[in-house]
Amino acid sequence: MRHLTLAPKEREADLARLDEVIGCLKDGEADLLKEHLQSAREYLLGAMPGEYLMSLEWAGTALDTVSNGDLRRRLEKTLIELIDDMPER
């Protein structure tokens, strides 16, 4: 089970990736997904790894709200990578 936080350099890189994918979503599109991504961002900043991972997982369940297939696949890949970035206990 993952419980450790990321090193500052890794955290900054993951924050930038979250900001990028949040920015890809248009206003009024995939609002639930955007909310989960923004929550994940806040939890990453607050060094709350359990909540961060939970928000990323919830974001994954909301990917079907993205109508653009290419964007949906890109977001899914990014979510998987962000989850995999978290160190194991």
C-alpha atoms as a PDB file:
ATOM      1  CA  MET A   1       0.000   0.000   0.000  1.00  0.00           C
ATOM      2  CA  ARG A   2       1.347   3.430  -0.936  1.00  0.00           C
ATOM      3  CA  HIS A   3       1.615   5.940   1.887  1.00  0.00           C
ATOM      4  CA  LEU A   4       4.816   7.893   1.392  1.00  0.00           C
ATOM      5  CA  THR A   5       4.893  11.340  -0.138  1.00  0.00           C
ATOM      6  CA  LEU A   6       6.897  12.360  -3.154  1.00  0.00           C
ATOM      7  CA  ALA A   7      10.209  14.182  -2.974  1.00  0.00           C
ATOM      8  CA  PRO A   8       9.845  17.934  -3.648  1.00  0.00           C
ATOM      9  CA  LYS A   9      11.208  17.711  -7.207  1.00  0.00           C
ATOM     10  CA  GLU A  10       8.872  14.840  -8.081  1.00  0.00           C
ATOM     11  CA  ARG A  11       5.936  16.589  -6.421  1.00  0.00           C
ATOM     12  CA  GLU A  12       6.549  19.711  -8.509  1.00  0.00           C
ATOM     13  CA  ALA A  13       6.679  17.630 -11.689  1.00  0.00           C
ATOM     14  CA  ASP A  14       3.420  15.889 -10.814  1.00  0.00           C
ATOM     15  CA  LEU A  15       1.789  19.220  -9.942  1.00  0.00           C
ATOM     16  CA  ALA A  16       2.776  20.516 -13.368  1.00  0.00           C
ATOM     17  CA  ARG A  17       1.281  17.406 -15.001  1.00  0.00           C
ATOM     18  CA  LEU A  18      -1.953  17.839 -13.056  1.00  0.00           C
ATOM     19  CA  ASP A  19      -2.116  21.516 -14.031  1.00  0.00           C
ATOM     20  CA  GLU A  20      -1.591  20.549 -17.662  1.00  0.00           C
ATOM     21  CA  VAL A  21      -4.393  17.984 -17.762  1.00  0.00           C
ATOM     22  CA  ILE A  22      -6.754  20.238 -15.798  1.00  0.00           C
ATOM     23  CA  GLY A  23      -6.034  22.950 -18.363  1.00  0.00           C
ATOM     24  CA  CYS A  24      -6.953  20.594 -21.208  1.00  0.00           C
ATOM     25  CA  LEU A  25     -10.533  20.338 -19.978  1.00  0.00           C
ATOM     26  CA  LYS A  26     -12.915  22.998 -21.248  1.00  0.00           C
ATOM     27  CA  ASP A  27     -15.252  24.769 -18.844  1.00  0.00           C
ATOM     28  CA  GLY A  28     -18.518  22.893 -18.634  1.00  0.00           C
ATOM     29  CA  GLU A  29     -16.968  19.667 -19.947  1.00  0.00           C
ATOM     30  CA  ALA A  30     -16.120  16.804 -17.609  1.00  0.00           C
ATOM     31  CA  ASP A  31     -16.747  18.918 -14.523  1.00  0.00           C
ATOM     32  CA  LEU A  32     -16.698  15.892 -12.213  1.00  0.00           C
ATOM     33  CA  LEU A  33     -13.342  14.785 -13.639  1.00  0.00           C
ATOM     34  CA  LYS A  34     -11.968  18.286 -13.240  1.00  0.00           C
ATOM     35  CA  GLU A  35     -13.178  18.388  -9.631  1.00  0.00           C
ATOM     36  CA  HIS A  36     -11.384  15.119  -8.825  1.00  0.00           C
ATOM     37  CA  LEU A  37      -8.186  16.345 -10.504  1.00  0.00           C
ATOM     38  CA  GLN A  38      -8.311  19.624  -8.578  1.00  0.00           C
ATOM     39  CA  SER A  39      -8.856  17.706  -5.346  1.00  0.00           C
ATOM     40  CA  ALA A  40      -5.884  15.493  -6.158  1.00  0.00           C
ATOM     41  CA  ARG A  41      -3.796  18.605  -6.695  1.00  0.00           C
ATOM     42  CA  GLU A  42      -4.788  20.012  -3.298  1.00  0.00           C
ATOM     43  CA  TYR A  43      -4.069  16.718  -1.550  1.00  0.00           C
ATOM     44  CA  LEU A  44      -0.676  16.466  -3.245  1.00  0.00           C
ATOM     45  CA  LEU A  45       0.170  19.975  -2.041  1.00  0.00           C
ATOM     46  CA  GLY A  46      -1.053  19.105   1.440  1.00  0.00           C
ATOM     47  CA  ALA A  47       1.087  15.957   1.651  1.00  0.00           C
ATOM     48  CA  MET A  48      -1.983  13.740   2.031  1.00  0.00           C
ATOM     49  CA  PRO A  49      -0.984  10.721  -0.083  1.00  0.00           C
ATOM     50  CA  GLY A  50      -3.980   8.516   0.702  1.00  0.00           C
ATOM     51  CA  GLU A  51      -6.445  11.218  -0.270  1.00  0.00           C
ATOM     52  CA  TYR A  52      -4.323  12.129  -3.310  1.00  0.00           C
ATOM     53  CA  LEU A  53      -4.417   8.561  -4.608  1.00  0.00           C
ATOM     54  CA  MET A  54      -8.123   8.260  -3.899  1.00  0.00           C
ATOM     55  CA  SER A  55      -8.816  11.439  -5.893  1.00  0.00           C
ATOM     56  CA  LEU A  56      -6.743  10.131  -8.818  1.00  0.00           C
ATOM     57  CA  GLU A  57      -8.688   6.871  -8.727  1.00  0.00           C
ATOM     58  CA  TRP A  58     -12.013   8.732  -8.641  1.00  0.00           C
ATOM     59  CA  ALA A  59     -10.806  10.828 -11.573  1.00  0.00           C
ATOM     60  CA  GLY A  60     -10.236   7.591 -13.456  1.00  0.00           C
ATOM     61  CA  THR A  61     -13.869   6.635 -12.932  1.00  0.00           C
ATOM     62  CA  ALA A  62     -14.966   9.953 -14.459  1.00  0.00           C
ATOM     63  CA  LEU A  63     -12.920   9.649 -17.659  1.00  0.00           C
ATOM     64  CA  ASP A  64     -16.006   8.608 -19.604  1.00  0.00           C
ATOM     65  CA  THR A  65     -17.266  12.191 -19.310  1.00  0.00           C
ATOM     66  CA  VAL A  66     -14.590  13.282 -21.808  1.00  0.00           C
ATOM     67  CA  SER A  67     -16.052  13.093 -25.303  1.00  0.00           C
ATOM     68  CA  ASN A  68     -12.742  13.384 -27.181  1.00  0.00           C
ATOM     69  CA  GLY A  69     -11.260   9.874 -27.374  1.00  0.00           C
ATOM     70  CA  ASP A  70      -7.668  11.023 -27.869  1.00  0.00           C
ATOM     71  CA  LEU A  71      -7.863  13.339 -24.874  1.00  0.00           C
ATOM     72  CA  ARG A  72      -9.535  10.631 -22.777  1.00  0.00           C
ATOM     73  CA  ARG A  73      -6.706   8.171 -23.543  1.00  0.00           C
ATOM     74  CA  ARG A  74      -4.088  10.827 -22.779  1.00  0.00           C
ATOM     75  CA  LEU A  75      -5.754  11.605 -19.453  1.00  0.00           C
ATOM     76  CA  GLU A  76      -5.988   7.914 -18.593  1.00  0.00           C
ATOM     77  CA  LYS A  77      -2.279   7.438 -19.334  1.00  0.00           C
ATOM     78  CA  THR A  78      -1.383  10.434 -17.184  1.00  0.00           C
ATOM     79  CA  LEU A  79      -3.514   9.189 -14.271  1.00  0.00           C
ATOM     80  CA  ILE A  80      -1.857   5.785 -14.408  1.00  0.00           C
ATOM     81  CA  GLU A  81       1.586   7.397 -14.434  1.00  0.00           C
ATOM     82  CA  LEU A  82       0.738   9.708 -11.524  1.00  0.00           C
ATOM     83  CA  ILE A  83      -0.475   6.762  -9.457  1.00  0.00           C
ATOM     84  CA  ASP A  84       2.610   4.751 -10.362  1.00  0.00           C
ATOM     85  CA  ASP A  85       4.849   7.686  -9.335  1.00  0.00           C
ATOM     86  CA  MET A  86       3.833   7.314  -5.703  1.00  0.00           C
ATOM     87  CA  PRO A  87       6.401   5.364  -3.690  1.00  0.00           C
ATOM     88  CA  GLU A  88       5.479   2.105  -1.991  1.00  0.00           C
ATOM     89  CA  ARG A  89       5.580   1.878   1.779  1.00  0.00           C
END
